[in-house]
Amino acid sequence: MVEVADTGGWREASSEGSERGRGRLIMARLMDEADIDGTPQGTVVRLVKRLSGTA
């Protein structure tokens, strides 16, 4: 699990044609879980990738 926290606010993707808004899609496709918790105090992103097999 990876957790990243900061004091910035989360901004939803803007209108079509924008260069913003792909991060959430990329996280969801690459990870097993991708949660974003935005509060007035900041944003926390939690990413989980389950590994299978033996090392």
C-alpha atoms as a PDB file:
ATOM      1  CA  MET A   1       0.000   0.000   0.000  1.00  0.00           C
ATOM      2  CA  VAL A   2       1.121   3.526  -0.774  1.00  0.00           C
ATOM      3  CA  GLU A   3      -0.415   6.532   0.941  1.00  0.00           C
ATOM      4  CA  VAL A   4       0.300  10.115  -0.071  1.00  0.00           C
ATOM      5  CA  ALA A   5      -1.043  13.073   1.901  1.00  0.00           C
ATOM      6  CA  ASP A   6      -0.758  16.803   1.395  1.00  0.00           C
ATOM      7  CA  THR A   7      -2.473  19.995   2.460  1.00  0.00           C
ATOM      8  CA  GLY A   8      -3.756  20.802  -1.024  1.00  0.00           C
ATOM      9  CA  GLY A   9      -7.334  20.492  -2.156  1.00  0.00           C
ATOM     10  CA  TRP A  10      -8.603  17.971  -4.663  1.00  0.00           C
ATOM     11  CA  ARG A  11      -9.966  19.377  -7.905  1.00  0.00           C
ATOM     12  CA  GLU A  12     -12.263  17.363 -10.112  1.00  0.00           C
ATOM     13  CA  ALA A  13     -11.478  17.121 -13.827  1.00  0.00           C
ATOM     14  CA  SER A  14     -12.566  20.154 -15.791  1.00  0.00           C
ATOM     15  CA  SER A  15     -14.415  20.245 -19.078  1.00  0.00           C
ATOM     16  CA  GLU A  16     -13.541  18.111 -22.101  1.00  0.00           C
ATOM     17  CA  GLY A  17     -10.351  19.073 -23.924  1.00  0.00           C
ATOM     18  CA  SER A  18      -8.482  19.861 -20.733  1.00  0.00           C
ATOM     19  CA  GLU A  19      -5.023  18.514 -19.966  1.00  0.00           C
ATOM     20  CA  ARG A  20      -6.227  17.606 -16.459  1.00  0.00           C
ATOM     21  CA  GLY A  21      -8.185  14.667 -15.136  1.00  0.00           C
ATOM     22  CA  ARG A  22      -6.305  11.554 -16.236  1.00  0.00           C
ATOM     23  CA  GLY A  23      -4.617  10.757 -12.914  1.00  0.00           C
ATOM     24  CA  ARG A  24      -7.631   9.135 -11.300  1.00  0.00           C
ATOM     25  CA  LEU A  25      -8.231   6.944 -14.380  1.00  0.00           C
ATOM     26  CA  ILE A  26      -4.581   5.856 -14.505  1.00  0.00           C
ATOM     27  CA  MET A  27      -4.533   5.007 -10.794  1.00  0.00           C
ATOM     28  CA  ALA A  28      -7.750   2.982 -11.107  1.00  0.00           C
ATOM     29  CA  ARG A  29      -6.434   1.005 -14.077  1.00  0.00           C
ATOM     30  CA  LEU A  30      -3.005   0.222 -12.622  1.00  0.00           C
ATOM     31  CA  MET A  31      -3.940  -0.495  -9.012  1.00  0.00           C
ATOM     32  CA  ASP A  32      -6.316  -2.916  -7.301  1.00  0.00           C
ATOM     33  CA  GLU A  33      -7.597  -0.097  -5.098  1.00  0.00           C
ATOM     34  CA  ALA A  34      -7.304   3.666  -5.539  1.00  0.00           C
ATOM     35  CA  ASP A  35      -9.057   5.863  -2.991  1.00  0.00           C
ATOM     36  CA  ILE A  36      -8.968   9.646  -2.798  1.00  0.00           C
ATOM     37  CA  ASP A  37     -10.142  11.363   0.367  1.00  0.00           C
ATOM     38  CA  GLY A  38     -10.367  15.122   0.051  1.00  0.00           C
ATOM     39  CA  THR A  39     -11.119  17.235   3.116  1.00  0.00           C
ATOM     40  CA  PRO A  40     -10.745  20.934   3.905  1.00  0.00           C
ATOM     41  CA  GLN A  41      -7.469  20.021   5.662  1.00  0.00           C
ATOM     42  CA  GLY A  42      -5.941  18.299   2.616  1.00  0.00           C
ATOM     43  CA  THR A  43      -6.021  15.263   0.343  1.00  0.00           C
ATOM     44  CA  VAL A  44      -5.023  11.656   1.040  1.00  0.00           C
ATOM     45  CA  VAL A  45      -4.514   9.196  -1.820  1.00  0.00           C
ATOM     46  CA  ARG A  46      -4.305   5.475  -0.960  1.00  0.00           C
ATOM     47  CA  LEU A  47      -3.135   2.986  -3.582  1.00  0.00           C
ATOM     48  CA  VAL A  48      -3.100  -0.818  -3.179  1.00  0.00           C
ATOM     49  CA  LYS A  49      -1.604  -3.372  -5.555  1.00  0.00           C
ATOM     50  CA  ARG A  50      -1.848  -7.044  -4.649  1.00  0.00           C
ATOM     51  CA  LEU A  51       1.094  -9.147  -5.765  1.00  0.00           C
ATOM     52  CA  SER A  52       0.708 -12.817  -6.623  1.00  0.00           C
ATOM     53  CA  GLY A  53       3.216 -15.612  -7.077  1.00  0.00           C
ATOM     54  CA  THR A  54       6.486 -16.225  -5.330  1.00  0.00           C
ATOM     55  CA  ALA A  55       9.580 -14.111  -5.342  1.00  0.00           C
END
